Amino acid sequence: MLKFDLKREYKSFFNPPRHRYVEVILPSMSFVKVDGSGDPNTAIAYRNAVEWLYSVSYALKFAAKSDLGINYVVPPLEALWWSDDPGSFIRREKDRWRWTVMILAPHFITDTMFNDAVEKILKRREDIPTSLRYEPYTEGRSLQTLHVGSYDDEGPILKLLHDTLMPELGVTFHGPHHEIYLSDPRKTAPDRLKTILRQPIHDL
């Protein structure tokens, strides 16, 4: 049986250097997504969204294994974050944040497979997020780095990006702040969490 790992397939996108931004050009990729707003530590909608993402993603994994003969690793959780004031991320004003949580899916996952997975989950739970969907997302030119440490310690490296690096490069924001969570916070000490920080950009 074929074994497919998207982190190996897209190795350069999942392996940036620590605390040093590098530029990447990202292709269009498809994700299972849910939108919401508010503090991810306290918002019930955030927890529900993440639970649904994993439920659908594992249902898709099992469907691919049984129907296509392809066994793949479910990729890590990702999230897009934005606010009317980008400085709210540096100040960690989480109640002002809006988000899209999402999990990457391989190219062989179809809309029919996604719809079938959702139907199966609806047989055992009814709290489906209204924004749950499967769709492509294209970031294109982006800057990214690896942050090791607590999520709340991201402020200085983001400030460096926003206030120094982007002005020096003559670029500006071209989409939401993007995070990829390589560590499981339930099993990893806060100071050892690994998170990819990514910012889509374009020239001024």
N, C-alpha and C. Protein backbone atom coordinates (compact mmCIF):
# COMPACT_ATOMS: atom_id res chain seq x y z
N MET A 1 0.84 -1.20 0.00
CA MET A 1 0.00 0.00 0.00
C MET A 1 0.88 1.25 0.00
N LEU A 2 0.54 2.22 -0.84
CA LEU A 2 1.30 3.46 -0.89
C LEU A 2 1.19 4.21 0.43
N LYS A 3 2.28 4.85 0.84
CA LYS A 3 2.30 5.68 2.05
C LYS A 3 2.66 7.10 1.63
N PHE A 4 1.85 8.06 2.04
CA PHE A 4 1.98 9.43 1.57
C PHE A 4 2.09 10.36 2.77
N ASP A 5 3.12 11.20 2.79
CA ASP A 5 3.32 12.14 3.89
C ASP A 5 3.51 13.53 3.29
N LEU A 6 2.54 14.41 3.51
CA LEU A 6 2.59 15.74 2.92
C LEU A 6 3.75 16.57 3.46
N LYS A 7 4.19 16.31 4.69
CA LYS A 7 5.33 17.06 5.22
C LYS A 7 6.62 16.71 4.48
N ARG A 8 6.70 15.49 3.98
CA ARG A 8 7.85 15.12 3.14
C ARG A 8 7.66 15.61 1.71
N GLU A 9 6.41 15.53 1.22
CA GLU A 9 6.12 15.97 -0.14
C GLU A 9 6.43 17.46 -0.31
N TYR A 10 6.10 18.25 0.71
CA TYR A 10 6.34 19.69 0.69
C TYR A 10 7.39 20.06 1.75
N LYS A 11 8.52 19.36 1.73
CA LYS A 11 9.52 19.50 2.78
C LYS A 11 9.98 20.94 2.99
N SER A 12 10.21 21.68 1.91
CA SER A 12 10.73 23.04 2.04
C SER A 12 9.73 23.98 2.72
N PHE A 13 8.44 23.63 2.70
CA PHE A 13 7.42 24.48 3.32
C PHE A 13 7.23 24.15 4.79
N PHE A 14 7.71 22.98 5.23
CA PHE A 14 7.52 22.55 6.61
C PHE A 14 8.82 22.52 7.41
N ASN A 15 9.90 23.07 6.86
CA ASN A 15 11.19 22.98 7.52
C ASN A 15 11.98 24.29 7.45
N PRO A 16 11.39 25.41 7.89
CA PRO A 16 12.13 26.69 7.85
C PRO A 16 13.16 26.75 8.97
N PRO A 17 14.14 27.64 8.86
CA PRO A 17 15.12 27.80 9.94
C PRO A 17 14.50 28.47 11.16
N ARG A 18 15.13 28.26 12.30
CA ARG A 18 14.64 28.86 13.54
C ARG A 18 15.03 30.32 13.63
N HIS A 19 14.02 31.17 13.89
CA HIS A 19 14.22 32.60 14.14
C HIS A 19 14.95 33.32 13.00
N ARG A 20 14.84 32.80 11.81
CA ARG A 20 15.36 33.49 10.63
C ARG A 20 14.34 33.30 9.50
N TYR A 21 13.86 34.41 8.98
CA TYR A 21 12.83 34.32 7.94
C TYR A 21 13.44 33.99 6.58
N VAL A 22 12.78 33.10 5.87
CA VAL A 22 13.16 32.77 4.50
C VAL A 22 11.94 32.95 3.61
N GLU A 23 12.19 33.20 2.34
CA GLU A 23 11.09 33.39 1.40
C GLU A 23 10.77 32.07 0.71
N VAL A 24 9.48 31.79 0.56
CA VAL A 24 9.00 30.61 -0.16
C VAL A 24 7.89 31.04 -1.10
N ILE A 25 7.68 30.25 -2.14
CA ILE A 25 6.57 30.46 -3.06
C ILE A 25 5.67 29.23 -2.95
N LEU A 26 4.49 29.42 -2.38
CA LEU A 26 3.61 28.30 -2.09
C LEU A 26 2.61 28.07 -3.22
N PRO A 27 2.41 26.82 -3.60
CA PRO A 27 1.40 26.50 -4.62
C PRO A 27 0.01 26.47 -4.01
N SER A 28 -0.98 26.31 -4.84
CA SER A 28 -2.35 26.12 -4.35
C SER A 28 -2.45 24.74 -3.70
N MET A 29 -3.00 24.70 -2.50
CA MET A 29 -3.21 23.44 -1.77
C MET A 29 -4.61 23.46 -1.18
N SER A 30 -5.18 22.28 -0.97
CA SER A 30 -6.56 22.19 -0.49
C SER A 30 -6.61 21.84 0.99
N PHE A 31 -7.56 22.47 1.68
CA PHE A 31 -7.69 22.32 3.13
C PHE A 31 -9.14 22.09 3.53
N VAL A 32 -9.31 21.38 4.63
CA VAL A 32 -10.57 21.39 5.37
C VAL A 32 -10.49 22.58 6.32
N LYS A 33 -11.52 23.45 6.33
CA LYS A 33 -11.43 24.72 7.04
C LYS A 33 -12.68 25.01 7.87
N VAL A 34 -12.48 25.80 8.93
CA VAL A 34 -13.57 26.36 9.73
C VAL A 34 -13.17 27.76 10.16
N ASP A 35 -14.09 28.73 10.07
CA ASP A 35 -13.84 30.12 10.48
C ASP A 35 -14.41 30.39 11.86
N GLY A 36 -13.85 31.43 12.51
CA GLY A 36 -14.39 31.85 13.80
C GLY A 36 -13.68 33.09 14.30
N SER A 37 -13.94 33.45 15.55
CA SER A 37 -13.31 34.63 16.15
C SER A 37 -13.24 34.44 17.66
N GLY A 38 -12.33 35.23 18.28
CA GLY A 38 -12.20 35.20 19.72
C GLY A 38 -10.96 34.47 20.19
N ASP A 39 -10.76 34.48 21.49
CA ASP A 39 -9.59 33.89 22.13
C ASP A 39 -9.61 32.38 21.95
N PRO A 40 -8.60 31.80 21.29
CA PRO A 40 -8.62 30.35 21.07
C PRO A 40 -8.51 29.55 22.36
N ASN A 41 -8.04 30.17 23.44
CA ASN A 41 -7.92 29.47 24.71
C ASN A 41 -9.25 29.32 25.43
N THR A 42 -10.22 30.17 25.09
CA THR A 42 -11.48 30.16 25.83
C THR A 42 -12.72 29.99 24.94
N ALA A 43 -12.61 30.25 23.64
CA ALA A 43 -13.78 30.21 22.76
C ALA A 43 -14.21 28.76 22.50
N ILE A 44 -15.46 28.45 22.86
CA ILE A 44 -15.99 27.10 22.62
C ILE A 44 -15.99 26.80 21.13
N ALA A 45 -16.24 27.83 20.30
CA ALA A 45 -16.29 27.63 18.85
C ALA A 45 -14.95 27.16 18.31
N TYR A 46 -13.85 27.62 18.92
CA TYR A 46 -12.52 27.20 18.46
C TYR A 46 -12.31 25.72 18.75
N ARG A 47 -12.63 25.30 19.94
CA ARG A 47 -12.45 23.88 20.30
C ARG A 47 -13.32 22.99 19.41
N ASN A 48 -14.55 23.41 19.19
CA ASN A 48 -15.46 22.64 18.34
C ASN A 48 -14.92 22.57 16.90
N ALA A 49 -14.39 23.68 16.41
CA ALA A 49 -13.84 23.71 15.05
C ALA A 49 -12.69 22.73 14.91
N VAL A 50 -11.78 22.71 15.89
CA VAL A 50 -10.62 21.82 15.83
C VAL A 50 -11.07 20.36 15.89
N GLU A 51 -12.05 20.06 16.73
CA GLU A 51 -12.55 18.69 16.83
C GLU A 51 -13.14 18.22 15.51
N TRP A 52 -13.89 19.09 14.86
CA TRP A 52 -14.47 18.74 13.56
C TRP A 52 -13.39 18.56 12.49
N LEU A 53 -12.39 19.42 12.51
CA LEU A 53 -11.31 19.29 11.52
C LEU A 53 -10.63 17.93 11.62
N TYR A 54 -10.31 17.52 12.84
CA TYR A 54 -9.64 16.23 13.00
C TYR A 54 -10.58 15.07 12.67
N SER A 55 -11.85 15.18 13.05
CA SER A 55 -12.80 14.12 12.74
C SER A 55 -12.91 13.92 11.23
N VAL A 56 -13.06 15.02 10.50
CA VAL A 56 -13.18 14.93 9.04
C VAL A 56 -11.87 14.44 8.42
N SER A 57 -10.75 14.96 8.89
CA SER A 57 -9.46 14.60 8.31
C SER A 57 -9.15 13.12 8.50
N TYR A 58 -9.48 12.56 9.66
CA TYR A 58 -9.24 11.13 9.85
C TYR A 58 -10.24 10.28 9.08
N ALA A 59 -11.45 10.77 8.92
CA ALA A 59 -12.41 10.06 8.07
C ALA A 59 -11.93 10.02 6.63
N LEU A 60 -11.32 11.12 6.17
CA LEU A 60 -10.76 11.16 4.82
C LEU A 60 -9.56 10.21 4.70
N LYS A 61 -8.74 10.15 5.71
CA LYS A 61 -7.59 9.24 5.72
C LYS A 61 -8.06 7.79 5.56
N PHE A 62 -9.08 7.41 6.33
CA PHE A 62 -9.57 6.03 6.27
C PHE A 62 -10.24 5.74 4.94
N ALA A 63 -10.93 6.74 4.37
CA ALA A 63 -11.57 6.56 3.08
C ALA A 63 -10.53 6.37 1.99
N ALA A 64 -9.45 7.15 2.04
CA ALA A 64 -8.39 7.01 1.05
C ALA A 64 -7.73 5.64 1.15
N LYS A 65 -7.57 5.16 2.37
CA LYS A 65 -6.94 3.85 2.57
C LYS A 65 -7.81 2.73 2.02
N SER A 66 -9.12 2.79 2.29
CA SER A 66 -10.01 1.71 1.86
C SER A 66 -10.41 1.81 0.40
N ASP A 67 -10.61 3.03 -0.11
CA ASP A 67 -11.12 3.20 -1.48
C ASP A 67 -10.03 3.36 -2.52
N LEU A 68 -8.90 3.98 -2.13
CA LEU A 68 -7.84 4.29 -3.09
C LEU A 68 -6.58 3.47 -2.88
N GLY A 69 -6.49 2.78 -1.74
CA GLY A 69 -5.28 2.04 -1.44
C GLY A 69 -4.10 2.92 -1.11
N ILE A 70 -4.37 4.12 -0.58
CA ILE A 70 -3.31 5.06 -0.22
C ILE A 70 -3.43 5.38 1.27
N ASN A 71 -2.37 5.12 1.98
CA ASN A 71 -2.33 5.43 3.41
C ASN A 71 -1.51 6.70 3.59
N TYR A 72 -2.08 7.74 4.19
CA TYR A 72 -1.33 8.98 4.38
C TYR A 72 -1.39 9.46 5.82
N VAL A 73 -0.40 10.26 6.16
CA VAL A 73 -0.31 10.86 7.49
C VAL A 73 -1.15 12.13 7.53
N VAL A 74 -2.05 12.23 8.49
CA VAL A 74 -2.83 13.47 8.63
C VAL A 74 -1.88 14.60 9.02
N PRO A 75 -1.84 15.68 8.24
CA PRO A 75 -0.90 16.78 8.51
C PRO A 75 -1.26 17.53 9.80
N PRO A 76 -0.36 18.38 10.27
CA PRO A 76 -0.62 19.13 11.50
C PRO A 76 -1.69 20.21 11.33
N LEU A 77 -2.23 20.61 12.46
CA LEU A 77 -3.21 21.71 12.48
C LEU A 77 -2.53 23.00 12.04
N GLU A 78 -3.27 23.81 11.28
CA GLU A 78 -2.80 25.13 10.86
C GLU A 78 -3.89 26.16 11.17
N ALA A 79 -3.51 27.42 11.18
CA ALA A 79 -4.51 28.47 11.40
C ALA A 79 -4.08 29.76 10.72
N LEU A 80 -5.05 30.45 10.16
CA LEU A 80 -4.87 31.81 9.66
C LEU A 80 -5.43 32.74 10.72
N TRP A 81 -4.71 33.82 10.99
CA TRP A 81 -5.12 34.77 12.02
C TRP A 81 -5.10 36.18 11.45
N TRP A 82 -6.11 36.96 11.78
CA TRP A 82 -6.11 38.35 11.36
C TRP A 82 -6.95 39.19 12.32
N SER A 83 -6.75 40.50 12.20
CA SER A 83 -7.44 41.46 13.05
C SER A 83 -7.46 42.79 12.33
N ASP A 84 -8.39 43.66 12.70
CA ASP A 84 -8.40 45.00 12.13
C ASP A 84 -7.10 45.74 12.46
N ASP A 85 -6.47 45.36 13.57
CA ASP A 85 -5.20 45.95 13.99
C ASP A 85 -4.15 44.85 14.09
N PRO A 86 -3.22 44.73 13.12
CA PRO A 86 -2.20 43.69 13.18
C PRO A 86 -1.38 43.74 14.46
N GLY A 87 -1.29 44.92 15.09
CA GLY A 87 -0.55 45.02 16.33
C GLY A 87 -1.15 44.22 17.47
N SER A 88 -2.40 43.81 17.34
CA SER A 88 -3.03 43.02 18.39
C SER A 88 -2.35 41.66 18.56
N PHE A 89 -1.66 41.18 17.50
CA PHE A 89 -0.92 39.93 17.63
C PHE A 89 0.33 40.12 18.47
N ILE A 90 1.01 41.23 18.27
CA ILE A 90 2.20 41.52 19.07
C ILE A 90 1.83 41.72 20.53
N ARG A 91 0.69 42.39 20.76
CA ARG A 91 0.23 42.65 22.13
C ARG A 91 -0.53 41.48 22.72
N ARG A 92 -0.78 40.43 21.92
CA ARG A 92 -1.49 39.22 22.34
C ARG A 92 -2.89 39.52 22.85
N GLU A 93 -3.59 40.43 22.16
CA GLU A 93 -4.98 40.76 22.50
C GLU A 93 -5.90 39.78 21.80
N LYS A 94 -6.00 38.60 22.36
CA LYS A 94 -6.60 37.46 21.66
C LYS A 94 -8.10 37.59 21.43
N ASP A 95 -8.78 38.36 22.24
CA ASP A 95 -10.21 38.52 22.04
C ASP A 95 -10.53 39.33 20.78
N ARG A 96 -9.51 39.98 20.20
CA ARG A 96 -9.71 40.78 18.99
C ARG A 96 -9.36 39.99 17.72
N TRP A 97 -8.95 38.75 17.88
CA TRP A 97 -8.49 37.97 16.75
C TRP A 97 -9.64 37.27 16.04
N ARG A 98 -9.47 37.14 14.73
CA ARG A 98 -10.34 36.27 13.93
C ARG A 98 -9.47 35.18 13.33
N TRP A 99 -10.06 34.03 13.05
CA TRP A 99 -9.25 32.91 12.64
C TRP A 99 -9.97 31.98 11.67
N THR A 100 -9.15 31.26 10.93
CA THR A 100 -9.59 30.11 10.15
C THR A 100 -8.66 28.97 10.52
N VAL A 101 -9.19 27.96 11.18
CA VAL A 101 -8.38 26.78 11.48
C VAL A 101 -8.55 25.79 10.33
N MET A 102 -7.48 25.04 10.02
CA MET A 102 -7.55 24.21 8.83
C MET A 102 -6.52 23.08 8.88
N ILE A 103 -6.78 22.02 8.13
CA ILE A 103 -5.86 20.90 7.99
C ILE A 103 -5.72 20.59 6.51
N LEU A 104 -4.48 20.50 6.07
CA LEU A 104 -4.15 20.21 4.67
C LEU A 104 -4.62 18.81 4.29
N ALA A 105 -5.08 18.66 3.05
CA ALA A 105 -5.49 17.36 2.52
C ALA A 105 -4.71 17.07 1.24
N PRO A 106 -4.40 15.79 0.97
CA PRO A 106 -3.68 15.44 -0.25
C PRO A 106 -4.49 15.74 -1.50
N HIS A 107 -3.80 15.82 -2.64
CA HIS A 107 -4.44 16.19 -3.90
C HIS A 107 -5.49 15.19 -4.36
N PHE A 108 -5.43 13.95 -3.88
CA PHE A 108 -6.37 12.93 -4.34
C PHE A 108 -7.68 12.91 -3.56
N ILE A 109 -7.80 13.77 -2.54
CA ILE A 109 -9.08 13.89 -1.82
C ILE A 109 -10.04 14.71 -2.67
N THR A 110 -11.27 14.20 -2.86
CA THR A 110 -12.26 14.86 -3.70
C THR A 110 -13.37 15.48 -2.87
N ASP A 111 -14.17 16.33 -3.52
CA ASP A 111 -15.32 16.92 -2.84
C ASP A 111 -16.29 15.84 -2.37
N THR A 112 -16.46 14.81 -3.18
CA THR A 112 -17.36 13.71 -2.81
C THR A 112 -16.87 13.01 -1.56
N MET A 113 -15.57 12.76 -1.48
CA MET A 113 -15.01 12.13 -0.28
C MET A 113 -15.22 13.01 0.95
N PHE A 114 -15.04 14.33 0.78
CA PHE A 114 -15.26 15.24 1.90
C PHE A 114 -16.72 15.21 2.34
N ASN A 115 -17.65 15.30 1.40
CA ASN A 115 -19.08 15.29 1.75
C ASN A 115 -19.47 13.99 2.44
N ASP A 116 -18.94 12.88 1.97
CA ASP A 116 -19.24 11.59 2.59
C ASP A 116 -18.69 11.53 4.01
N ALA A 117 -17.49 12.10 4.23
CA ALA A 117 -16.90 12.11 5.56
C ALA A 117 -17.76 12.93 6.53
N VAL A 118 -18.23 14.08 6.07
CA VAL A 118 -19.09 14.92 6.92
C VAL A 118 -20.37 14.19 7.27
N GLU A 119 -20.98 13.52 6.30
CA GLU A 119 -22.22 12.78 6.56
C GLU A 119 -22.02 11.70 7.61
N LYS A 120 -20.89 11.02 7.57
CA LYS A 120 -20.62 9.97 8.55
C LYS A 120 -20.50 10.56 9.95
N ILE A 121 -19.84 11.71 10.06
CA ILE A 121 -19.66 12.32 11.38
C ILE A 121 -20.98 12.86 11.92
N LEU A 122 -21.84 13.35 11.02
CA LEU A 122 -23.14 13.87 11.45
C LEU A 122 -24.02 12.79 12.07
N LYS A 123 -23.71 11.54 11.85
CA LYS A 123 -24.48 10.45 12.45
C LYS A 123 -24.22 10.32 13.94
N ARG A 124 -23.10 10.89 14.40
CA ARG A 124 -22.78 10.77 15.83
C ARG A 124 -22.65 12.11 16.55
N ARG A 125 -22.64 13.22 15.80
CA ARG A 125 -22.64 14.53 16.46
C ARG A 125 -23.32 15.55 15.55
N GLU A 126 -23.96 16.54 16.17
CA GLU A 126 -24.78 17.49 15.41
C GLU A 126 -24.25 18.91 15.44
N ASP A 127 -23.17 19.16 16.14
CA ASP A 127 -22.68 20.53 16.34
C ASP A 127 -21.76 20.96 15.20
N ILE A 128 -22.17 20.74 13.97
CA ILE A 128 -21.32 21.04 12.82
C ILE A 128 -21.15 22.55 12.65
N PRO A 129 -19.93 23.04 12.51
CA PRO A 129 -19.73 24.48 12.27
C PRO A 129 -20.32 24.87 10.90
N THR A 130 -20.99 25.99 10.85
CA THR A 130 -21.63 26.41 9.60
C THR A 130 -20.63 26.72 8.50
N SER A 131 -19.40 27.06 8.88
CA SER A 131 -18.39 27.41 7.87
C SER A 131 -17.51 26.24 7.46
N LEU A 132 -17.78 25.04 7.95
CA LEU A 132 -16.97 23.88 7.58
C LEU A 132 -17.00 23.67 6.08
N ARG A 133 -15.81 23.55 5.48
CA ARG A 133 -15.74 23.41 4.03
C ARG A 133 -14.40 22.80 3.62
N TYR A 134 -14.33 22.42 2.34
CA TYR A 134 -13.10 21.90 1.75
C TYR A 134 -12.83 22.71 0.50
N GLU A 135 -11.67 23.39 0.47
CA GLU A 135 -11.42 24.29 -0.65
C GLU A 135 -9.92 24.54 -0.81
N PRO A 136 -9.51 24.98 -2.02
CA PRO A 136 -8.10 25.33 -2.24
C PRO A 136 -7.74 26.67 -1.61
N TYR A 137 -6.46 26.81 -1.29
CA TYR A 137 -5.96 28.06 -0.74
C TYR A 137 -4.58 28.31 -1.34
N THR A 138 -4.36 29.52 -1.85
CA THR A 138 -3.10 29.87 -2.49
C THR A 138 -2.49 31.08 -1.80
N GLU A 139 -1.32 30.92 -1.21
CA GLU A 139 -0.63 32.03 -0.56
C GLU A 139 0.43 32.66 -1.45
N GLY A 140 1.06 31.87 -2.29
CA GLY A 140 2.11 32.41 -3.15
C GLY A 140 3.33 32.84 -2.36
N ARG A 141 3.85 34.03 -2.67
CA ARG A 141 5.09 34.51 -2.06
C ARG A 141 4.87 34.80 -0.57
N SER A 142 5.73 34.20 0.27
CA SER A 142 5.57 34.34 1.72
C SER A 142 6.93 34.33 2.40
N LEU A 143 6.96 34.87 3.61
CA LEU A 143 8.11 34.77 4.50
C LEU A 143 7.74 33.87 5.66
N GLN A 144 8.65 32.97 6.06
CA GLN A 144 8.33 32.08 7.17
C GLN A 144 9.57 31.76 7.98
N THR A 145 9.32 31.38 9.25
CA THR A 145 10.38 31.01 10.17
C THR A 145 9.84 29.96 11.12
N LEU A 146 10.74 29.31 11.86
CA LEU A 146 10.34 28.37 12.90
C LEU A 146 10.49 29.06 14.25
N HIS A 147 9.40 29.06 15.01
CA HIS A 147 9.43 29.58 16.38
C HIS A 147 9.41 28.40 17.34
N VAL A 148 10.32 28.37 18.28
CA VAL A 148 10.35 27.35 19.33
C VAL A 148 10.07 28.03 20.65
N GLY A 149 8.98 27.65 21.29
CA GLY A 149 8.60 28.28 22.55
C GLY A 149 7.11 28.46 22.64
N SER A 150 6.68 29.11 23.69
CA SER A 150 5.27 29.37 23.93
C SER A 150 4.67 30.21 22.81
N TYR A 151 3.39 29.98 22.54
CA TYR A 151 2.69 30.80 21.56
C TYR A 151 2.72 32.27 21.97
N ASP A 152 2.66 32.53 23.28
CA ASP A 152 2.64 33.91 23.75
C ASP A 152 4.01 34.59 23.67
N ASP A 153 5.03 33.85 23.30
CA ASP A 153 6.36 34.44 23.12
C ASP A 153 6.65 34.78 21.66
N GLU A 154 5.63 34.71 20.80
CA GLU A 154 5.82 35.01 19.39
C GLU A 154 5.95 36.51 19.11
N GLY A 155 5.52 37.34 20.06
CA GLY A 155 5.47 38.78 19.83
C GLY A 155 6.74 39.39 19.27
N PRO A 156 7.93 39.16 19.88
CA PRO A 156 9.16 39.80 19.39
C PRO A 156 9.53 39.40 17.96
N ILE A 157 9.36 38.13 17.60
CA ILE A 157 9.74 37.70 16.25
C ILE A 157 8.76 38.25 15.21
N LEU A 158 7.49 38.43 15.61
CA LEU A 158 6.52 39.06 14.72
C LEU A 158 6.79 40.56 14.58
N LYS A 159 7.18 41.18 15.67
CA LYS A 159 7.52 42.61 15.62
C LYS A 159 8.70 42.85 14.69
N LEU A 160 9.70 41.96 14.76
CA LEU A 160 10.86 42.05 13.86
C LEU A 160 10.41 41.96 12.40
N LEU A 161 9.50 41.04 12.13
CA LEU A 161 8.99 40.88 10.77
C LEU A 161 8.25 42.12 10.30
N HIS A 162 7.31 42.60 11.12
CA HIS A 162 6.44 43.70 10.73
C HIS A 162 7.18 45.04 10.65
N ASP A 163 8.03 45.31 11.64
CA ASP A 163 8.60 46.64 11.78
C ASP A 163 9.97 46.80 11.12
N THR A 164 10.66 45.70 10.89
CA THR A 164 12.02 45.80 10.35
C THR A 164 12.17 45.07 9.02
N LEU A 165 11.93 43.79 9.01
CA LEU A 165 12.23 43.00 7.81
C LEU A 165 11.36 43.37 6.62
N MET A 166 10.05 43.46 6.82
CA MET A 166 9.17 43.77 5.71
C MET A 166 9.44 45.17 5.14
N PRO A 167 9.62 46.22 5.96
CA PRO A 167 9.99 47.52 5.40
C PRO A 167 11.32 47.49 4.66
N GLU A 168 12.30 46.74 5.18
CA GLU A 168 13.60 46.66 4.50
C GLU A 168 13.48 46.00 3.13
N LEU A 169 12.59 45.03 3.02
CA LEU A 169 12.40 44.32 1.76
C LEU A 169 11.45 45.05 0.81
N GLY A 170 10.78 46.09 1.30
CA GLY A 170 9.83 46.83 0.48
C GLY A 170 8.58 46.03 0.16
N VAL A 171 8.09 45.26 1.16
CA VAL A 171 6.91 44.43 0.96
C VAL A 171 5.87 44.76 2.02
N THR A 172 4.64 44.32 1.77
CA THR A 172 3.57 44.51 2.73
C THR A 172 2.72 43.25 2.81
N PHE A 173 1.73 43.27 3.69
CA PHE A 173 0.88 42.10 3.93
C PHE A 173 0.05 41.76 2.69
N HIS A 174 -0.06 40.46 2.44
CA HIS A 174 -0.86 39.99 1.31
C HIS A 174 -1.67 38.77 1.74
N GLY A 175 -2.28 38.88 2.91
CA GLY A 175 -3.07 37.78 3.44
C GLY A 175 -2.84 37.64 4.93
N PRO A 176 -3.63 36.79 5.60
CA PRO A 176 -3.53 36.66 7.05
C PRO A 176 -2.23 36.01 7.51
N HIS A 177 -1.88 36.32 8.74
CA HIS A 177 -0.79 35.63 9.44
C HIS A 177 -1.15 34.14 9.51
N HIS A 178 -0.16 33.28 9.26
CA HIS A 178 -0.40 31.84 9.14
C HIS A 178 0.50 31.11 10.13
N GLU A 179 -0.06 30.18 10.89
CA GLU A 179 0.72 29.37 11.81
C GLU A 179 0.48 27.89 11.53
N ILE A 180 1.54 27.09 11.62
CA ILE A 180 1.46 25.64 11.46
C ILE A 180 2.02 25.03 12.74
N TYR A 181 1.20 24.22 13.41
CA TYR A 181 1.54 23.71 14.74
C TYR A 181 2.17 22.32 14.63
N LEU A 182 3.51 22.29 14.69
CA LEU A 182 4.23 21.04 14.52
C LEU A 182 4.23 20.19 15.79
N SER A 183 3.91 20.80 16.93
CA SER A 183 3.91 20.10 18.21
C SER A 183 2.49 19.98 18.74
N ASP A 184 2.24 18.93 19.52
CA ASP A 184 0.96 18.75 20.20
C ASP A 184 1.05 19.43 21.56
N PRO A 185 0.30 20.53 21.78
CA PRO A 185 0.42 21.25 23.06
C PRO A 185 -0.02 20.44 24.27
N ARG A 186 -0.76 19.34 24.03
CA ARG A 186 -1.18 18.48 25.14
C ARG A 186 -0.03 17.62 25.64
N LYS A 187 1.00 17.45 24.82
CA LYS A 187 2.09 16.54 25.16
C LYS A 187 3.45 17.22 25.21
N THR A 188 3.51 18.51 24.89
CA THR A 188 4.78 19.22 24.76
C THR A 188 4.83 20.40 25.73
N ALA A 189 5.94 20.56 26.41
CA ALA A 189 6.11 21.71 27.30
C ALA A 189 6.07 23.00 26.50
N PRO A 190 5.47 24.07 27.05
CA PRO A 190 5.34 25.33 26.29
C PRO A 190 6.64 25.84 25.70
N ASP A 191 7.77 25.69 26.41
CA ASP A 191 9.03 26.22 25.91
C ASP A 191 9.65 25.36 24.80
N ARG A 192 9.00 24.23 24.46
CA ARG A 192 9.51 23.35 23.42
C ARG A 192 8.57 23.22 22.23
N LEU A 193 7.49 23.98 22.26
CA LEU A 193 6.54 23.94 21.15
C LEU A 193 7.19 24.46 19.87
N LYS A 194 6.95 23.77 18.76
CA LYS A 194 7.49 24.19 17.46
C LYS A 194 6.33 24.66 16.58
N THR A 195 6.45 25.91 16.11
CA THR A 195 5.40 26.52 15.31
C THR A 195 6.02 27.24 14.12
N ILE A 196 5.53 26.95 12.93
CA ILE A 196 5.94 27.70 11.75
C ILE A 196 5.11 28.97 11.68
N LEU A 197 5.79 30.11 11.58
CA LEU A 197 5.12 31.40 11.42
C LEU A 197 5.31 31.84 9.98
N ARG A 198 4.21 32.12 9.30
CA ARG A 198 4.27 32.44 7.86
C ARG A 198 3.44 33.70 7.58
N GLN A 199 3.97 34.56 6.71
CA GLN A 199 3.25 35.77 6.30
C GLN A 199 3.30 35.93 4.79
N PRO A 200 2.15 35.83 4.11
CA PRO A 200 2.12 36.14 2.67
C PRO A 200 2.44 37.62 2.45
N ILE A 201 3.17 37.91 1.37
CA ILE A 201 3.62 39.28 1.11
C ILE A 201 3.49 39.61 -0.36
N HIS A 202 3.52 40.92 -0.66
CA HIS A 202 3.73 41.38 -2.03
C HIS A 202 4.46 42.71 -1.99
N ASP A 203 5.02 43.12 -3.11
CA ASP A 203 5.78 44.36 -3.17
C ASP A 203 4.89 45.56 -2.93
N LEU A 204 5.45 46.58 -2.32
CA LEU A 204 4.74 47.84 -2.12
C LEU A 204 4.49 48.53 -3.47
